[in-house]
Amino acid sequence: MMKRGLLIGIALAFVWTGCMEEELLPEEQTAEPASEWTLTLQAVKQDASETKGLAIGGGDSEANTTVLQSIWKAGEPVEVYLAGTHIGTLTATPDATDAHQASLSGTVTTTDITPGKTLTLLTPRQEWDYTGQAGRLLLQDDLNYYKGEDNRSIEKKYHYTMAENVLVTAASNGAITTDQASFANQQSIYRLNFRFQHNGAGLISAITAKRIWIAAEGGGLVKTRALDGTSVTGTIEVLLDNATENPFFVALRNNNTTTAEKLVFKVMDSEGITYFGTKTVPAAYKPNGTFVSMKNATLTKRLELALHTETVTEAL
């Protein structure tokens, strides 16, 4: 009998010890809900000689102006990023006496905003993309800005300005305060039209351009860019609304901003004839944010096909 009692005692001890060693699963953690904040700040667009914007200066025409001014437009959208994540969109209200300055206001949504953090602000859209240009400089119809209708002008889609490291000074009671944001242009604007001179000698004639391909000799023209600075580079293609001999405009961002470099052009005219040539951009005009005029750039090569006089009687 004593032996049996001992066995039962050992068994019970084993069961009790096993229960003590059970591991409990951790409780599921629920994500902190995002909070909506109001954000209002003062902003300025730089207007130094190397940082031009998008308003014709001095009442000149687009073809003849030597100045592009940097101004805010009513209703202009401004995208807001925190640590590389998009958190909201603000709307610009220009200063009534100086459109270089504006108040930006709107709401942002984030769970991680405290004084000391910094924001990045980008205009005019989230997609940083220089493809699909049509040679237009200014928005022709302001109503398109509010309707969101497609307009391939540089002013509407390709004139990127950015303010980095905008310091958050306070975040409480649902409102965020920051330092003033200073926006800098992220690309240069080129004014172009072309003429042809065979092998660089003899008669010069205007080219009625319709489709243009632009590349940089060093391969650094940006097609798309991410906020972290990575980019896809290559040839920029421009399809004009109408073939023209007159100047048109292209927004170009080049990763090479310090040394002289050739731009390589291929231009197709209204009759489908294709011309080729290059133009060197001096180092002084390479920084992004420059207004560069290349009126009457001369191309010296033309795609030519041998003329055959024989008659073709059968379909190939």
C-alpha atoms as a PDB file:
ATOM      1  CA  MET A   1       0.000   0.000   0.000  1.00  0.00           C
ATOM      2  CA  MET A   2       2.787   2.408   0.753  1.00  0.00           C
ATOM      3  CA  LYS A   3       4.339   1.724  -2.632  1.00  0.00           C
ATOM      4  CA  ARG A   4       1.053   2.618  -4.409  1.00  0.00           C
ATOM      5  CA  GLY A   5       0.686   5.835  -2.437  1.00  0.00           C
ATOM      6  CA  LEU A   6       4.178   6.850  -3.430  1.00  0.00           C
ATOM      7  CA  LEU A   7       3.455   6.316  -7.123  1.00  0.00           C
ATOM      8  CA  ILE A   8       0.295   8.436  -6.956  1.00  0.00           C
ATOM      9  CA  GLY A   9       2.191  11.208  -5.211  1.00  0.00           C
ATOM     10  CA  ILE A  10       4.852  11.235  -7.915  1.00  0.00           C
ATOM     11  CA  ALA A  11       2.239  11.364 -10.649  1.00  0.00           C
ATOM     12  CA  LEU A  12       0.425  14.280  -9.056  1.00  0.00           C
ATOM     13  CA  ALA A  13       3.683  16.131  -8.611  1.00  0.00           C
ATOM     14  CA  PHE A  14       4.458  15.682 -12.325  1.00  0.00           C
ATOM     15  CA  VAL A  15       1.053  17.043 -13.356  1.00  0.00           C
ATOM     16  CA  TRP A  16       1.406  20.083 -11.112  1.00  0.00           C
ATOM     17  CA  THR A  17       4.916  20.810 -12.318  1.00  0.00           C
ATOM     18  CA  GLY A  18       3.789  20.578 -15.963  1.00  0.00           C
ATOM     19  CA  CYS A  19       1.077  23.165 -15.374  1.00  0.00           C
ATOM     20  CA  MET A  20       3.614  25.573 -13.925  1.00  0.00           C
ATOM     21  CA  GLU A  21       5.694  25.411 -17.116  1.00  0.00           C
ATOM     22  CA  GLU A  22       2.932  26.408 -19.552  1.00  0.00           C
ATOM     23  CA  GLU A  23       3.815  29.407 -21.687  1.00  0.00           C
ATOM     24  CA  LEU A  24       1.178  32.101 -22.178  1.00  0.00           C
ATOM     25  CA  LEU A  25       0.825  33.670 -25.649  1.00  0.00           C
ATOM     26  CA  PRO A  26       1.448  37.430 -25.641  1.00  0.00           C
ATOM     27  CA  GLU A  27      -1.610  39.611 -25.970  1.00  0.00           C
ATOM     28  CA  GLU A  28      -2.257  41.009 -29.428  1.00  0.00           C
ATOM     29  CA  GLN A  29      -1.148  44.614 -29.771  1.00  0.00           C
ATOM     30  CA  THR A  30      -3.542  46.942 -31.575  1.00  0.00           C
ATOM     31  CA  ALA A  31      -2.038  49.694 -33.729  1.00  0.00           C
ATOM     32  CA  GLU A  32      -2.425  53.201 -32.423  1.00  0.00           C
ATOM     33  CA  PRO A  33      -5.069  54.926 -34.534  1.00  0.00           C
ATOM     34  CA  ALA A  34      -3.838  57.688 -36.812  1.00  0.00           C
ATOM     35  CA  SER A  35      -4.530  61.196 -35.612  1.00  0.00           C
ATOM     36  CA  GLU A  36      -5.634  64.092 -37.786  1.00  0.00           C
ATOM     37  CA  TRP A  37      -3.861  67.404 -37.272  1.00  0.00           C
ATOM     38  CA  THR A  38      -4.360  70.851 -38.703  1.00  0.00           C
ATOM     39  CA  LEU A  39      -1.233  72.410 -40.168  1.00  0.00           C
ATOM     40  CA  THR A  40      -0.763  76.037 -41.160  1.00  0.00           C
ATOM     41  CA  LEU A  41       2.581  77.574 -42.024  1.00  0.00           C
ATOM     42  CA  GLN A  42       4.175  80.404 -43.944  1.00  0.00           C
ATOM     43  CA  ALA A  43       6.058  79.610 -47.133  1.00  0.00           C
ATOM     44  CA  VAL A  44       8.242  81.473 -49.585  1.00  0.00           C
ATOM     45  CA  LYS A  45       9.443  80.544 -53.065  1.00  0.00           C
ATOM     46  CA  GLN A  46      13.021  81.539 -53.700  1.00  0.00           C
ATOM     47  CA  ASP A  47      13.625  84.056 -56.462  1.00  0.00           C
ATOM     48  CA  ALA A  48      17.406  84.282 -56.660  1.00  0.00           C
ATOM     49  CA  SER A  49      19.163  84.419 -60.007  1.00  0.00           C
ATOM     50  CA  GLU A  50      19.709  80.676 -59.966  1.00  0.00           C
ATOM     51  CA  THR A  51      16.179  79.863 -58.836  1.00  0.00           C
ATOM     52  CA  LYS A  52      13.485  81.107 -61.143  1.00  0.00           C
ATOM     53  CA  GLY A  53       9.788  80.326 -60.997  1.00  0.00           C
ATOM     54  CA  LEU A  54       6.829  80.512 -63.306  1.00  0.00           C
ATOM     55  CA  ALA A  55       5.528  83.969 -64.046  1.00  0.00           C
ATOM     56  CA  ILE A  56       6.653  86.083 -66.998  1.00  0.00           C
ATOM     57  CA  GLY A  57       8.604  89.109 -65.833  1.00  0.00           C
ATOM     58  CA  GLY A  58       8.251  92.686 -67.045  1.00  0.00           C
ATOM     59  CA  GLY A  59       5.203  92.114 -69.224  1.00  0.00           C
ATOM     60  CA  ASP A  60       7.243  90.338 -71.906  1.00  0.00           C
ATOM     61  CA  SER A  61       6.055  87.468 -74.056  1.00  0.00           C
ATOM     62  CA  GLU A  62       7.063  83.866 -73.425  1.00  0.00           C
ATOM     63  CA  ALA A  63       9.278  83.963 -76.516  1.00  0.00           C
ATOM     64  CA  ASN A  64      11.224  87.060 -75.426  1.00  0.00           C
ATOM     65  CA  THR A  65      11.259  87.167 -71.642  1.00  0.00           C
ATOM     66  CA  THR A  66      14.586  86.964 -69.844  1.00  0.00           C
ATOM     67  CA  VAL A  67      13.021  86.477 -66.391  1.00  0.00           C
ATOM     68  CA  LEU A  68      10.742  83.870 -64.865  1.00  0.00           C
ATOM     69  CA  GLN A  69       9.515  84.877 -61.422  1.00  0.00           C
ATOM     70  CA  SER A  70       8.691  82.500 -58.596  1.00  0.00           C
ATOM     71  CA  ILE A  71       5.157  82.973 -57.263  1.00  0.00           C
ATOM     72  CA  TRP A  72       2.384  81.062 -55.512  1.00  0.00           C
ATOM     73  CA  LYS A  73      -1.000  80.515 -57.137  1.00  0.00           C
ATOM     74  CA  ALA A  74      -4.267  80.391 -55.225  1.00  0.00           C
ATOM     75  CA  GLY A  75      -5.276  76.789 -54.623  1.00  0.00           C
ATOM     76  CA  GLU A  76      -1.844  75.369 -55.449  1.00  0.00           C
ATOM     77  CA  PRO A  77      -1.504  71.932 -53.763  1.00  0.00           C
ATOM     78  CA  VAL A  78       1.455  71.158 -51.497  1.00  0.00           C
ATOM     79  CA  GLU A  79       2.203  67.550 -50.535  1.00  0.00           C
ATOM     80  CA  VAL A  80       3.470  66.879 -46.983  1.00  0.00           C
ATOM     81  CA  TYR A  81       5.868  64.068 -46.022  1.00  0.00           C
ATOM     82  CA  LEU A  82       7.101  62.843 -42.650  1.00  0.00           C
ATOM     83  CA  ALA A  83      10.117  60.491 -42.735  1.00  0.00           C
ATOM     84  CA  GLY A  84       9.392  59.786 -46.397  1.00  0.00           C
ATOM     85  CA  THR A  85       5.703  58.942 -45.874  1.00  0.00           C
ATOM     86  CA  HIS A  86       2.970  61.086 -47.410  1.00  0.00           C
ATOM     87  CA  ILE A  87       0.706  62.368 -44.622  1.00  0.00           C
ATOM     88  CA  GLY A  88      -1.468  65.003 -46.303  1.00  0.00           C
ATOM     89  CA  THR A  89      -1.986  67.852 -48.754  1.00  0.00           C
ATOM     90  CA  LEU A  90      -2.021  71.576 -47.993  1.00  0.00           C
ATOM     91  CA  THR A  91      -3.467  74.405 -50.090  1.00  0.00           C
ATOM     92  CA  ALA A  92      -1.706  77.682 -50.835  1.00  0.00           C
ATOM     93  CA  THR A  93      -3.203  81.127 -50.262  1.00  0.00           C
ATOM     94  CA  PRO A  94      -0.816  83.734 -51.750  1.00  0.00           C
ATOM     95  CA  ASP A  95      -0.041  86.929 -49.891  1.00  0.00           C
ATOM     96  CA  ALA A  96      -2.178  89.736 -51.351  1.00  0.00           C
ATOM     97  CA  THR A  97       0.793  92.083 -51.720  1.00  0.00           C
ATOM     98  CA  ASP A  98       3.612  89.633 -52.537  1.00  0.00           C
ATOM     99  CA  ALA A  99       2.817  86.347 -54.308  1.00  0.00           C
ATOM    100  CA  HIS A 100       6.325  85.065 -53.586  1.00  0.00           C
ATOM    101  CA  GLN A 101       4.896  84.316 -50.124  1.00  0.00           C
ATOM    102  CA  ALA A 102       1.866  82.269 -49.126  1.00  0.00           C
ATOM    103  CA  SER A 103       0.055  80.678 -46.232  1.00  0.00           C
ATOM    104  CA  LEU A 104      -0.220  76.891 -46.550  1.00  0.00           C
ATOM    105  CA  SER A 105      -2.996  75.179 -44.648  1.00  0.00           C
ATOM    106  CA  GLY A 106      -4.764  71.840 -44.447  1.00  0.00           C
ATOM    107  CA  THR A 107      -4.845  68.600 -42.487  1.00  0.00           C
ATOM    108  CA  VAL A 108      -2.327  65.795 -42.118  1.00  0.00           C
ATOM    109  CA  THR A 109      -2.788  62.337 -40.645  1.00  0.00           C
ATOM    110  CA  THR A 110      -0.049  60.649 -38.622  1.00  0.00           C
ATOM    111  CA  THR A 111       0.632  58.937 -35.288  1.00  0.00           C
ATOM    112  CA  ASP A 112       4.186  60.174 -34.943  1.00  0.00           C
ATOM    113  CA  ILE A 113       4.491  63.958 -34.785  1.00  0.00           C
ATOM    114  CA  THR A 114       6.407  65.719 -32.039  1.00  0.00           C
ATOM    115  CA  PRO A 115       8.402  68.945 -31.761  1.00  0.00           C
ATOM    116  CA  GLY A 116      11.858  68.521 -33.225  1.00  0.00           C
ATOM    117  CA  LYS A 117      10.787  66.336 -36.127  1.00  0.00           C
ATOM    118  CA  THR A 118      11.057  67.713 -39.656  1.00  0.00           C
ATOM    119  CA  LEU A 119       8.727  67.705 -42.651  1.00  0.00           C
ATOM    120  CA  THR A 120       9.355  67.732 -46.379  1.00  0.00           C
ATOM    121  CA  LEU A 121       6.973  69.699 -48.619  1.00  0.00           C
ATOM    122  CA  LEU A 122       6.681  69.168 -52.378  1.00  0.00           C
ATOM    123  CA  THR A 123       4.688  70.862 -55.148  1.00  0.00           C
ATOM    124  CA  PRO A 124       2.788  70.450 -57.434  1.00  0.00           C
ATOM    125  CA  ARG A 125       2.005  66.699 -57.127  1.00  0.00           C
ATOM    126  CA  GLN A 126       3.135  63.474 -55.487  1.00  0.00           C
ATOM    127  CA  GLU A 127       4.335  61.838 -58.720  1.00  0.00           C
ATOM    128  CA  TRP A 128       7.783  63.276 -59.452  1.00  0.00           C
ATOM    129  CA  ASP A 129       7.766  62.678 -63.200  1.00  0.00           C
ATOM    130  CA  TYR A 130       9.130  64.684 -66.165  1.00  0.00           C
ATOM    131  CA  THR A 131       7.704  62.473 -68.913  1.00  0.00           C
ATOM    132  CA  GLY A 132       4.743  63.400 -71.117  1.00  0.00           C
ATOM    133  CA  GLN A 133       5.577  67.097 -71.628  1.00  0.00           C
ATOM    134  CA  ALA A 134       3.914  69.141 -74.373  1.00  0.00           C
ATOM    135  CA  GLY A 135       6.143  72.232 -74.556  1.00  0.00           C
ATOM    136  CA  ARG A 136       3.681  74.475 -72.692  1.00  0.00           C
ATOM    137  CA  LEU A 137       4.999  76.840 -70.030  1.00  0.00           C
ATOM    138  CA  LEU A 138       1.980  78.350 -68.298  1.00  0.00           C
ATOM    139  CA  LEU A 139      -1.424  77.010 -67.389  1.00  0.00           C
ATOM    140  CA  GLN A 140      -3.858  78.408 -69.919  1.00  0.00           C
ATOM    141  CA  ASP A 141      -7.024  78.020 -67.842  1.00  0.00           C
ATOM    142  CA  ASP A 142      -6.871  78.496 -64.076  1.00  0.00           C
ATOM    143  CA  LEU A 143     -10.132  76.566 -63.668  1.00  0.00           C
ATOM    144  CA  ASN A 144      -8.277  73.416 -64.695  1.00  0.00           C
ATOM    145  CA  TYR A 145      -6.244  73.773 -61.517  1.00  0.00           C
ATOM    146  CA  TYR A 146      -9.304  73.307 -59.356  1.00  0.00           C
ATOM    147  CA  LYS A 147     -11.093  70.744 -61.513  1.00  0.00           C
ATOM    148  CA  GLY A 148      -8.048  68.520 -61.621  1.00  0.00           C
ATOM    149  CA  GLU A 149      -8.314  68.237 -65.391  1.00  0.00           C
ATOM    150  CA  ASP A 150      -5.250  67.068 -67.309  1.00  0.00           C
ATOM    151  CA  ASN A 151      -3.050  69.917 -68.423  1.00  0.00           C
ATOM    152  CA  ARG A 152       0.496  69.194 -69.506  1.00  0.00           C
ATOM    153  CA  SER A 153       1.864  72.678 -68.880  1.00  0.00           C
ATOM    154  CA  ILE A 154       5.087  72.964 -66.874  1.00  0.00           C
ATOM    155  CA  GLU A 155       3.307  75.210 -64.373  1.00  0.00           C
ATOM    156  CA  LYS A 156       0.674  72.564 -63.642  1.00  0.00           C
ATOM    157  CA  LYS A 157       2.650  69.308 -63.698  1.00  0.00           C
ATOM    158  CA  TYR A 158       6.420  69.715 -64.064  1.00  0.00           C
ATOM    159  CA  HIS A 159       7.496  72.751 -62.035  1.00  0.00           C
ATOM    160  CA  TYR A 160       8.569  70.938 -58.872  1.00  0.00           C
ATOM    161  CA  THR A 161       9.576  72.974 -55.832  1.00  0.00           C
ATOM    162  CA  MET A 162      10.557  71.474 -52.501  1.00  0.00           C
ATOM    163  CA  ALA A 163      11.135  72.600 -48.927  1.00  0.00           C
ATOM    164  CA  GLU A 164      13.232  70.210 -46.850  1.00  0.00           C
ATOM    165  CA  ASN A 165      13.816  69.927 -43.098  1.00  0.00           C
ATOM    166  CA  VAL A 166      10.880  72.127 -42.109  1.00  0.00           C
ATOM    167  CA  LEU A 167      11.118  72.018 -38.304  1.00  0.00           C
ATOM    168  CA  VAL A 168       8.044  71.131 -36.229  1.00  0.00           C
ATOM    169  CA  THR A 169       8.075  73.559 -33.299  1.00  0.00           C
ATOM    170  CA  ALA A 170       4.853  72.463 -31.567  1.00  0.00           C
ATOM    171  CA  ALA A 171       2.228  69.724 -31.801  1.00  0.00           C
ATOM    172  CA  SER A 172      -0.663  69.873 -29.352  1.00  0.00           C
ATOM    173  CA  ASN A 173      -4.443  70.104 -29.213  1.00  0.00           C
ATOM    174  CA  GLY A 174      -4.724  68.788 -32.766  1.00  0.00           C
ATOM    175  CA  ALA A 175      -2.579  71.542 -34.296  1.00  0.00           C
ATOM    176  CA  ILE A 176       0.968  71.535 -35.646  1.00  0.00           C
ATOM    177  CA  THR A 177       3.239  74.584 -35.852  1.00  0.00           C
ATOM    178  CA  THR A 178       6.422  74.769 -37.913  1.00  0.00           C
ATOM    179  CA  ASP A 179       9.132  77.161 -38.960  1.00  0.00           C
ATOM    180  CA  GLN A 180       8.721  79.010 -42.263  1.00  0.00           C
ATOM    181  CA  ALA A 181       9.247  76.767 -45.299  1.00  0.00           C
ATOM    182  CA  SER A 182      11.598  77.929 -48.059  1.00  0.00           C
ATOM    183  CA  PHE A 183      10.918  76.241 -51.410  1.00  0.00           C
ATOM    184  CA  ALA A 184      13.598  75.756 -54.077  1.00  0.00           C
ATOM    185  CA  ASN A 185      13.066  74.818 -57.734  1.00  0.00           C
ATOM    186  CA  GLN A 186      14.094  71.259 -58.527  1.00  0.00           C
ATOM    187  CA  GLN A 187      14.709  71.548 -62.281  1.00  0.00           C
ATOM    188  CA  SER A 188      15.713  74.028 -64.940  1.00  0.00           C
ATOM    189  CA  ILE A 189      13.407  75.379 -67.614  1.00  0.00           C
ATOM    190  CA  TYR A 190      14.701  75.426 -71.190  1.00  0.00           C
ATOM    191  CA  ARG A 191      13.273  77.584 -73.976  1.00  0.00           C
ATOM    192  CA  LEU A 192      13.942  75.912 -77.330  1.00  0.00           C
ATOM    193  CA  ASN A 193      13.354  76.130 -81.042  1.00  0.00           C
ATOM    194  CA  PHE A 194      15.433  74.710 -83.863  1.00  0.00           C
ATOM    195  CA  ARG A 195      16.857  75.389 -87.291  1.00  0.00           C
ATOM    196  CA  PHE A 196      18.846  73.231 -89.732  1.00  0.00           C
ATOM    197  CA  GLN A 197      22.185  73.823 -91.427  1.00  0.00           C
ATOM    198  CA  HIS A 198      23.489  70.812 -93.359  1.00  0.00           C
ATOM    199  CA  ASN A 199      26.850  69.753 -91.871  1.00  0.00           C
ATOM    200  CA  GLY A 200      27.127  73.189 -90.271  1.00  0.00           C
ATOM    201  CA  ALA A 201      27.614  75.103 -93.522  1.00  0.00           C
ATOM    202  CA  GLY A 202      25.458  76.897 -96.066  1.00  0.00           C
ATOM    203  CA  LEU A 203      21.766  77.746 -95.937  1.00  0.00           C
ATOM    204  CA  ILE A 204      20.013  77.833 -92.572  1.00  0.00           C
ATOM    205  CA  SER A 205      16.312  77.003 -92.462  1.00  0.00           C
ATOM    206  CA  ALA A 206      13.775  76.875 -89.631  1.00  0.00           C
ATOM    207  CA  ILE A 207      12.508  73.496 -88.414  1.00  0.00           C
ATOM    208  CA  THR A 208       8.773  73.173 -87.816  1.00  0.00           C
ATOM    209  CA  ALA A 209       9.148  70.888 -84.812  1.00  0.00           C
ATOM    210  CA  LYS A 210       6.475  68.414 -83.741  1.00  0.00           C
ATOM    211  CA  ARG A 211       8.229  65.729 -81.652  1.00  0.00           C
ATOM    212  CA  ILE A 212      11.505  66.217 -79.774  1.00  0.00           C
ATOM    213  CA  TRP A 213      13.801  63.796 -77.966  1.00  0.00           C
ATOM    214  CA  ILE A 214      16.360  65.251 -75.523  1.00  0.00           C
ATOM    215  CA  ALA A 215      19.212  63.338 -73.883  1.00  0.00           C
ATOM    216  CA  ALA A 216      22.293  64.369 -71.897  1.00  0.00           C
ATOM    217  CA  GLU A 217      25.678  63.182 -73.092  1.00  0.00           C
ATOM    218  CA  GLY A 218      26.405  61.901 -69.576  1.00  0.00           C
ATOM    219  CA  GLY A 219      23.028  60.172 -69.324  1.00  0.00           C
ATOM    220  CA  GLY A 220      21.828  62.147 -66.295  1.00  0.00           C
ATOM    221  CA  LEU A 221      18.493  63.614 -67.417  1.00  0.00           C
ATOM    222  CA  VAL A 222      15.891  62.578 -64.845  1.00  0.00           C
ATOM    223  CA  LYS A 223      12.673  60.936 -66.032  1.00  0.00           C
ATOM    224  CA  THR A 224      11.277  60.105 -62.574  1.00  0.00           C
ATOM    225  CA  ARG A 225      12.529  60.746 -59.062  1.00  0.00           C
ATOM    226  CA  ALA A 226      11.713  59.504 -55.584  1.00  0.00           C
ATOM    227  CA  LEU A 227      11.706  61.626 -52.449  1.00  0.00           C
ATOM    228  CA  ASP A 228      14.790  59.777 -51.159  1.00  0.00           C
ATOM    229  CA  GLY A 229      16.781  61.060 -54.147  1.00  0.00           C
ATOM    230  CA  THR A 230      16.854  57.916 -56.264  1.00  0.00           C
ATOM    231  CA  SER A 231      15.961  58.510 -59.893  1.00  0.00           C
ATOM    232  CA  VAL A 232      15.396  56.891 -63.261  1.00  0.00           C
ATOM    233  CA  THR A 233      17.319  58.660 -66.019  1.00  0.00           C
ATOM    234  CA  GLY A 234      17.086  58.620 -69.800  1.00  0.00           C
ATOM    235  CA  THR A 235      15.701  60.480 -72.800  1.00  0.00           C
ATOM    236  CA  ILE A 236      12.939  63.047 -72.352  1.00  0.00           C
ATOM    237  CA  GLU A 237      10.376  63.029 -75.165  1.00  0.00           C
ATOM    238  CA  VAL A 238       8.232  66.095 -75.875  1.00  0.00           C
ATOM    239  CA  LEU A 239       5.162  65.980 -78.110  1.00  0.00           C
ATOM    240  CA  LEU A 240       3.961  69.464 -79.031  1.00  0.00           C
ATOM    241  CA  ASP A 241       0.251  70.136 -79.411  1.00  0.00           C
ATOM    242  CA  ASN A 242       0.936  71.711 -82.789  1.00  0.00           C
ATOM    243  CA  ALA A 243       4.042  71.711 -84.962  1.00  0.00           C
ATOM    244  CA  THR A 244       5.797  75.074 -84.712  1.00  0.00           C
ATOM    245  CA  GLU A 245       8.907  77.065 -85.585  1.00  0.00           C
ATOM    246  CA  ASN A 246       8.375  79.190 -82.463  1.00  0.00           C
ATOM    247  CA  PRO A 247       9.993  78.661 -79.058  1.00  0.00           C
ATOM    248  CA  PHE A 248       8.528  76.136 -76.636  1.00  0.00           C
ATOM    249  CA  PHE A 249       9.513  75.107 -73.095  1.00  0.00           C
ATOM    250  CA  VAL A 250      10.792  71.943 -71.426  1.00  0.00           C
ATOM    251  CA  ALA A 251      11.486  71.208 -67.753  1.00  0.00           C
ATOM    252  CA  LEU A 252      14.756  69.278 -67.363  1.00  0.00           C
ATOM    253  CA  ARG A 253      16.399  67.982 -64.208  1.00  0.00           C
ATOM    254  CA  ASN A 254      19.999  66.852 -64.634  1.00  0.00           C
ATOM    255  CA  ASN A 255      21.928  64.809 -62.082  1.00  0.00           C
ATOM    256  CA  ASN A 256      25.085  66.496 -63.378  1.00  0.00           C
ATOM    257  CA  THR A 257      24.900  70.040 -62.049  1.00  0.00           C
ATOM    258  CA  THR A 258      28.555  71.099 -62.036  1.00  0.00           C
ATOM    259  CA  THR A 259      30.278  70.507 -65.382  1.00  0.00           C
ATOM    260  CA  ALA A 260      29.617  71.553 -68.977  1.00  0.00           C
ATOM    261  CA  GLU A 261      27.730  68.926 -70.955  1.00  0.00           C
ATOM    262  CA  LYS A 262      26.196  68.418 -74.381  1.00  0.00           C
ATOM    263  CA  LEU A 263      22.463  68.014 -74.765  1.00  0.00           C
ATOM    264  CA  VAL A 264      21.676  65.666 -77.646  1.00  0.00           C
ATOM    265  CA  PHE A 265      18.592  66.501 -79.745  1.00  0.00           C
ATOM    266  CA  LYS A 266      16.522  64.491 -82.185  1.00  0.00           C
ATOM    267  CA  VAL A 267      13.726  66.540 -83.747  1.00  0.00           C
ATOM    268  CA  MET A 268      10.958  65.331 -86.035  1.00  0.00           C
ATOM    269  CA  ASP A 269       9.197  67.993 -88.085  1.00  0.00           C
ATOM    270  CA  SER A 270       5.604  68.234 -89.302  1.00  0.00           C
ATOM    271  CA  GLU A 271       6.423  66.133 -92.402  1.00  0.00           C
ATOM    272  CA  GLY A 272       8.178  63.362 -90.501  1.00  0.00           C
ATOM    273  CA  ILE A 273      11.735  64.431 -91.401  1.00  0.00           C
ATOM    274  CA  THR A 274      14.140  63.840 -88.509  1.00  0.00           C
ATOM    275  CA  TYR A 275      17.046  66.135 -87.602  1.00  0.00           C
ATOM    276  CA  PHE A 276      19.957  65.600 -85.200  1.00  0.00           C
ATOM    277  CA  GLY A 277      22.356  67.841 -83.343  1.00  0.00           C
ATOM    278  CA  THR A 278      23.907  68.833 -80.020  1.00  0.00           C
ATOM    279  CA  LYS A 279      24.236  71.949 -77.905  1.00  0.00           C
ATOM    280  CA  THR A 280      26.686  72.385 -75.030  1.00  0.00           C
ATOM    281  CA  VAL A 281      25.349  73.747 -71.744  1.00  0.00           C
ATOM    282  CA  PRO A 282      28.110  75.663 -69.899  1.00  0.00           C
ATOM    283  CA  ALA A 283      28.811  74.686 -66.292  1.00  0.00           C
ATOM    284  CA  ALA A 284      27.432  78.012 -65.045  1.00  0.00           C
ATOM    285  CA  TYR A 285      23.985  77.083 -66.371  1.00  0.00           C
ATOM    286  CA  LYS A 286      23.947  73.511 -65.041  1.00  0.00           C
ATOM    287  CA  PRO A 287      22.489  73.979 -61.517  1.00  0.00           C
ATOM    288  CA  ASN A 288      18.849  72.930 -61.320  1.00  0.00           C
ATOM    289  CA  GLY A 289      16.702  76.033 -60.954  1.00  0.00           C
ATOM    290  CA  THR A 290      18.113  77.918 -63.951  1.00  0.00           C
ATOM    291  CA  PHE A 291      16.197  79.484 -66.867  1.00  0.00           C
ATOM    292  CA  VAL A 292      18.136  78.591 -70.028  1.00  0.00           C
ATOM    293  CA  SER A 293      17.244  80.039 -73.425  1.00  0.00           C
ATOM    294  CA  MET A 294      18.349  78.030 -76.486  1.00  0.00           C
ATOM    295  CA  LYS A 295      16.475  79.865 -79.195  1.00  0.00           C
ATOM    296  CA  ASN A 296      17.446  78.909 -82.766  1.00  0.00           C
ATOM    297  CA  ALA A 297      19.612  75.958 -81.751  1.00  0.00           C
ATOM    298  CA  THR A 298      21.200  74.717 -84.991  1.00  0.00           C
ATOM    299  CA  LEU A 299      21.036  71.025 -85.882  1.00  0.00           C
ATOM    300  CA  THR A 300      23.462  69.809 -88.540  1.00  0.00           C
ATOM    301  CA  LYS A 301      22.371  66.266 -89.451  1.00  0.00           C
ATOM    302  CA  ARG A 302      19.246  64.997 -91.141  1.00  0.00           C
ATOM    303  CA  LEU A 303      17.970  61.476 -91.643  1.00  0.00           C
ATOM    304  CA  GLU A 304      18.028  60.946 -95.419  1.00  0.00           C
ATOM    305  CA  LEU A 305      16.824  57.992 -97.479  1.00  0.00           C
ATOM    306  CA  ALA A 306      18.202  57.088-100.897  1.00  0.00           C
ATOM    307  CA  LEU A 307      15.738  57.900-103.685  1.00  0.00           C
ATOM    308  CA  HIS A 308      14.808  54.892-105.891  1.00  0.00           C
ATOM    309  CA  THR A 309      13.126  55.434-109.277  1.00  0.00           C
ATOM    310  CA  GLU A 310      12.129  51.850-110.059  1.00  0.00           C
ATOM    311  CA  THR A 311       8.436  50.985-109.970  1.00  0.00           C
ATOM    312  CA  VAL A 312       7.201  48.412-107.447  1.00  0.00           C
ATOM    313  CA  THR A 313       4.435  46.221-108.889  1.00  0.00           C
ATOM    314  CA  GLU A 314       4.037  43.652-106.141  1.00  0.00           C
ATOM    315  CA  ALA A 315       3.255  44.020-102.483  1.00  0.00           C
ATOM    316  CA  LEU A 316       6.077  42.796-100.248  1.00  0.00           C
END
